[in-house]
């Protein structure tokens, strides 16, 4: 079971919901997270149970980022709106940076999201189980 997060900017929420509906069967066995409204909209349209954090601008990105910083998140689908300025852009950049630091796969558009979910469906994320099994002790 992997930990997967869904985040979508306002103009991408419908696209996210449709994406999750299409791959609901792939997400069922996993532990799912999202920012506030995105998670609500997904749960209204699917049978998935999603742990919802705050809305992105109210700290939801940072709450997911905390899991990433501890290497506790396995995959993030973050459908960003590249044509709209976001008031919490520094939080977004920090989250993406943390994903790079920890080697967490993150999709920021629907094409990459589709590739990652197909890999998830094939079992190509078994390496994340090893990350959790052999997680090094935290250094001071």
C-alpha atoms as a PDB file:
ATOM      1  CA  UNK A   1       0.000   0.000   0.000  1.00  0.00           C
ATOM      2  CA  UNK A   2       1.420   3.340  -1.087  1.00  0.00           C
ATOM      3  CA  UNK A   3       0.623   6.859   0.036  1.00  0.00           C
ATOM      4  CA  UNK A   4      -0.663   8.974  -2.847  1.00  0.00           C
ATOM      5  CA  UNK A   5      -1.603  12.663  -2.789  1.00  0.00           C
ATOM      6  CA  UNK A   6      -3.867  14.613  -5.136  1.00  0.00           C
ATOM      7  CA  UNK A   7      -3.567  18.379  -5.479  1.00  0.00           C
ATOM      8  CA  UNK A   8      -5.225  20.507  -8.165  1.00  0.00           C
ATOM      9  CA  UNK A   9      -5.453  24.199  -8.789  1.00  0.00           C
ATOM     10  CA  UNK A  10      -8.971  25.563  -9.235  1.00  0.00           C
ATOM     11  CA  UNK A  11      -9.079  25.381 -13.025  1.00  0.00           C
ATOM     12  CA  UNK A  12      -7.674  21.821 -12.918  1.00  0.00           C
ATOM     13  CA  UNK A  13     -10.029  20.296 -10.337  1.00  0.00           C
ATOM     14  CA  UNK A  14     -12.486  18.902 -12.883  1.00  0.00           C
ATOM     15  CA  UNK A  15      -9.617  17.343 -14.835  1.00  0.00           C
ATOM     16  CA  UNK A  16      -8.338  15.767 -11.596  1.00  0.00           C
ATOM     17  CA  UNK A  17     -11.746  14.355 -10.716  1.00  0.00           C
ATOM     18  CA  UNK A  18     -12.108  12.829 -14.190  1.00  0.00           C
ATOM     19  CA  UNK A  19      -8.597  11.375 -13.960  1.00  0.00           C
ATOM     20  CA  UNK A  20      -9.286   9.755 -10.580  1.00  0.00           C
ATOM     21  CA  UNK A  21     -12.647   8.403 -11.792  1.00  0.00           C
ATOM     22  CA  UNK A  22     -10.875   6.800 -14.772  1.00  0.00           C
ATOM     23  CA  UNK A  23      -8.287   5.116 -12.531  1.00  0.00           C
ATOM     24  CA  UNK A  24     -10.331   4.598  -9.378  1.00  0.00           C
ATOM     25  CA  UNK A  25      -9.634   0.850  -9.490  1.00  0.00           C
ATOM     26  CA  UNK A  26      -5.885   1.544  -9.326  1.00  0.00           C
ATOM     27  CA  UNK A  27      -6.192   3.857  -6.313  1.00  0.00           C
ATOM     28  CA  UNK A  28      -8.517   1.669  -4.190  1.00  0.00           C
ATOM     29  CA  UNK A  29      -5.827  -0.320  -2.329  1.00  0.00           C
ATOM     30  CA  UNK A  30      -3.730   2.735  -1.476  1.00  0.00           C
ATOM     31  CA  UNK A  31      -3.764   5.345   1.263  1.00  0.00           C
ATOM     32  CA  UNK A  32      -4.974   8.569  -0.343  1.00  0.00           C
ATOM     33  CA  UNK A  33      -4.458  12.201   0.629  1.00  0.00           C
ATOM     34  CA  UNK A  34      -5.389  15.545  -0.864  1.00  0.00           C
ATOM     35  CA  UNK A  35      -5.773  19.191  -0.249  1.00  0.00           C
ATOM     36  CA  UNK A  36      -9.252  20.260   0.935  1.00  0.00           C
ATOM     37  CA  UNK A  37     -11.551  21.012  -1.978  1.00  0.00           C
ATOM     38  CA  UNK A  38      -9.823  18.630  -4.369  1.00  0.00           C
ATOM     39  CA  UNK A  39     -10.397  15.732  -1.985  1.00  0.00           C
ATOM     40  CA  UNK A  40     -14.012  16.676  -1.395  1.00  0.00           C
ATOM     41  CA  UNK A  41     -14.721  16.800  -5.125  1.00  0.00           C
ATOM     42  CA  UNK A  42     -13.024  13.436  -5.708  1.00  0.00           C
ATOM     43  CA  UNK A  43     -14.947  11.762  -2.863  1.00  0.00           C
ATOM     44  CA  UNK A  44     -18.253  13.163  -4.184  1.00  0.00           C
ATOM     45  CA  UNK A  45     -17.638  11.441  -7.534  1.00  0.00           C
ATOM     46  CA  UNK A  46     -15.969   8.205  -6.423  1.00  0.00           C
ATOM     47  CA  UNK A  47     -16.125   5.651  -3.630  1.00  0.00           C
ATOM     48  CA  UNK A  48     -12.593   6.489  -2.517  1.00  0.00           C
ATOM     49  CA  UNK A  49     -11.787   7.526   1.035  1.00  0.00           C
ATOM     50  CA  UNK A  50      -9.313  10.393   1.087  1.00  0.00           C
ATOM     51  CA  UNK A  51      -7.623  12.046   4.044  1.00  0.00           C
ATOM     52  CA  UNK A  52      -8.075  15.738   3.348  1.00  0.00           C
ATOM     53  CA  UNK A  53      -5.674  18.406   4.509  1.00  0.00           C
ATOM     54  CA  UNK A  54      -6.329  22.127   4.402  1.00  0.00           C
ATOM     55  CA  UNK A  55      -6.808  23.981   1.148  1.00  0.00           C
ATOM     56  CA  UNK A  56      -3.499  24.636  -0.627  1.00  0.00           C
ATOM     57  CA  UNK A  57      -3.409  28.395   0.057  1.00  0.00           C
ATOM     58  CA  UNK A  58      -4.241  27.712   3.722  1.00  0.00           C
ATOM     59  CA  UNK A  59      -1.348  25.316   4.263  1.00  0.00           C
ATOM     60  CA  UNK A  60      -2.474  22.067   2.632  1.00  0.00           C
ATOM     61  CA  UNK A  61       0.539  21.993   0.307  1.00  0.00           C
ATOM     62  CA  UNK A  62       2.789  22.373   3.340  1.00  0.00           C
ATOM     63  CA  UNK A  63       0.973  19.601   5.230  1.00  0.00           C
ATOM     64  CA  UNK A  64       1.601  17.227   2.326  1.00  0.00           C
ATOM     65  CA  UNK A  65       5.135  18.623   2.126  1.00  0.00           C
ATOM     66  CA  UNK A  66       5.717  17.566   5.741  1.00  0.00           C
ATOM     67  CA  UNK A  67       4.989  13.950   4.741  1.00  0.00           C
ATOM     68  CA  UNK A  68       7.308  14.315   1.761  1.00  0.00           C
ATOM     69  CA  UNK A  69      10.073  15.730   3.978  1.00  0.00           C
ATOM     70  CA  UNK A  70       9.814  12.598   6.136  1.00  0.00           C
ATOM     71  CA  UNK A  71       9.803  10.422   2.972  1.00  0.00           C
ATOM     72  CA  UNK A  72       6.323   9.213   3.890  1.00  0.00           C
ATOM     73  CA  UNK A  73       4.632  10.080   0.575  1.00  0.00           C
ATOM     74  CA  UNK A  74       5.089   7.787  -2.430  1.00  0.00           C
ATOM     75  CA  UNK A  75       3.455   9.582  -5.344  1.00  0.00           C
ATOM     76  CA  UNK A  76       1.917  13.012  -5.926  1.00  0.00           C
ATOM     77  CA  UNK A  77      -0.405  14.069  -8.718  1.00  0.00           C
ATOM     78  CA  UNK A  78      -0.372  17.862  -8.640  1.00  0.00           C
ATOM     79  CA  UNK A  79      -2.295  19.308 -11.564  1.00  0.00           C
ATOM     80  CA  UNK A  80      -0.959  22.843 -11.702  1.00  0.00           C
ATOM     81  CA  UNK A  81      -2.427  25.725 -13.651  1.00  0.00           C
ATOM     82  CA  UNK A  82       0.596  27.207 -15.417  1.00  0.00           C
ATOM     83  CA  UNK A  83      -1.405  30.154 -16.758  1.00  0.00           C
ATOM     84  CA  UNK A  84      -2.636  31.493 -13.410  1.00  0.00           C
ATOM     85  CA  UNK A  85      -0.503  33.153 -10.750  1.00  0.00           C
ATOM     86  CA  UNK A  86      -0.904  31.454  -7.368  1.00  0.00           C
ATOM     87  CA  UNK A  87      -0.716  33.473  -4.137  1.00  0.00           C
ATOM     88  CA  UNK A  88       1.023  30.549  -2.399  1.00  0.00           C
ATOM     89  CA  UNK A  89       3.597  29.934  -5.146  1.00  0.00           C
ATOM     90  CA  UNK A  90       6.494  29.689  -2.635  1.00  0.00           C
ATOM     91  CA  UNK A  91       4.687  26.762  -0.936  1.00  0.00           C
ATOM     92  CA  UNK A  92       4.253  25.047  -4.295  1.00  0.00           C
ATOM     93  CA  UNK A  93       7.920  25.459  -5.201  1.00  0.00           C
ATOM     94  CA  UNK A  94       8.928  24.178  -1.749  1.00  0.00           C
ATOM     95  CA  UNK A  95       6.759  21.062  -2.182  1.00  0.00           C
ATOM     96  CA  UNK A  96       8.229  20.326  -5.606  1.00  0.00           C
ATOM     97  CA  UNK A  97      11.757  20.868  -4.260  1.00  0.00           C
ATOM     98  CA  UNK A  98      11.090  18.411  -1.415  1.00  0.00           C
ATOM     99  CA  UNK A  99       9.868  15.845  -3.941  1.00  0.00           C
ATOM    100  CA  UNK A 100      13.154  16.233  -5.808  1.00  0.00           C
ATOM    101  CA  UNK A 101      15.173  15.937  -2.588  1.00  0.00           C
ATOM    102  CA  UNK A 102      13.382  12.741  -1.520  1.00  0.00           C
ATOM    103  CA  UNK A 103      13.008  11.240  -5.007  1.00  0.00           C
ATOM    104  CA  UNK A 104       9.198  11.254  -4.825  1.00  0.00           C
ATOM    105  CA  UNK A 105       7.549  10.915  -8.242  1.00  0.00           C
ATOM    106  CA  UNK A 106       5.322  13.907  -8.938  1.00  0.00           C
ATOM    107  CA  UNK A 107       3.169  14.626 -11.979  1.00  0.00           C
ATOM    108  CA  UNK A 108       2.277  18.247 -12.671  1.00  0.00           C
ATOM    109  CA  UNK A 109       0.172  17.609 -15.765  1.00  0.00           C
ATOM    110  CA  UNK A 110      -2.293  14.990 -16.933  1.00  0.00           C
ATOM    111  CA  UNK A 111       0.117  13.367 -19.423  1.00  0.00           C
ATOM    112  CA  UNK A 112       2.707  12.614 -16.747  1.00  0.00           C
ATOM    113  CA  UNK A 113      -0.016  11.607 -14.291  1.00  0.00           C
ATOM    114  CA  UNK A 114      -1.215   9.009 -16.770  1.00  0.00           C
ATOM    115  CA  UNK A 115       2.295   7.590 -17.173  1.00  0.00           C
ATOM    116  CA  UNK A 116       2.757   7.337 -13.407  1.00  0.00           C
ATOM    117  CA  UNK A 117      -0.611   5.692 -12.781  1.00  0.00           C
ATOM    118  CA  UNK A 118       0.089   3.153 -15.531  1.00  0.00           C
ATOM    119  CA  UNK A 119       3.413   2.387 -13.825  1.00  0.00           C
ATOM    120  CA  UNK A 120       1.571   2.076 -10.503  1.00  0.00           C
ATOM    121  CA  UNK A 121      -0.913  -0.300 -12.111  1.00  0.00           C
ATOM    122  CA  UNK A 122       1.959  -2.477 -13.437  1.00  0.00           C
ATOM    123  CA  UNK A 123       3.607  -2.653 -10.032  1.00  0.00           C
ATOM    124  CA  UNK A 124       6.565  -0.475 -10.964  1.00  0.00           C
ATOM    125  CA  UNK A 125       6.460   1.285  -7.587  1.00  0.00           C
ATOM    126  CA  UNK A 126       7.726  -1.714  -5.593  1.00  0.00           C
ATOM    127  CA  UNK A 127      10.947   0.217  -5.030  1.00  0.00           C
ATOM    128  CA  UNK A 128       9.011   2.599  -2.737  1.00  0.00           C
ATOM    129  CA  UNK A 129       8.266  -0.357  -0.445  1.00  0.00           C
ATOM    130  CA  UNK A 130      12.030  -0.852  -0.130  1.00  0.00           C
ATOM    131  CA  UNK A 131      12.449   2.825   0.710  1.00  0.00           C
ATOM    132  CA  UNK A 132      10.090   2.354   3.646  1.00  0.00           C
ATOM    133  CA  UNK A 133      11.618  -0.965   4.721  1.00  0.00           C
ATOM    134  CA  UNK A 134      15.176   0.316   4.771  1.00  0.00           C
ATOM    135  CA  UNK A 135      14.528   3.905   5.791  1.00  0.00           C
ATOM    136  CA  UNK A 136      17.752   5.204   7.337  1.00  0.00           C
ATOM    137  CA  UNK A 137      17.723   6.564  10.865  1.00  0.00           C
ATOM    138  CA  UNK A 138      17.291  10.304  11.018  1.00  0.00           C
ATOM    139  CA  UNK A 139      20.535  12.171  11.593  1.00  0.00           C
ATOM    140  CA  UNK A 140      20.779  15.013  14.053  1.00  0.00           C
END
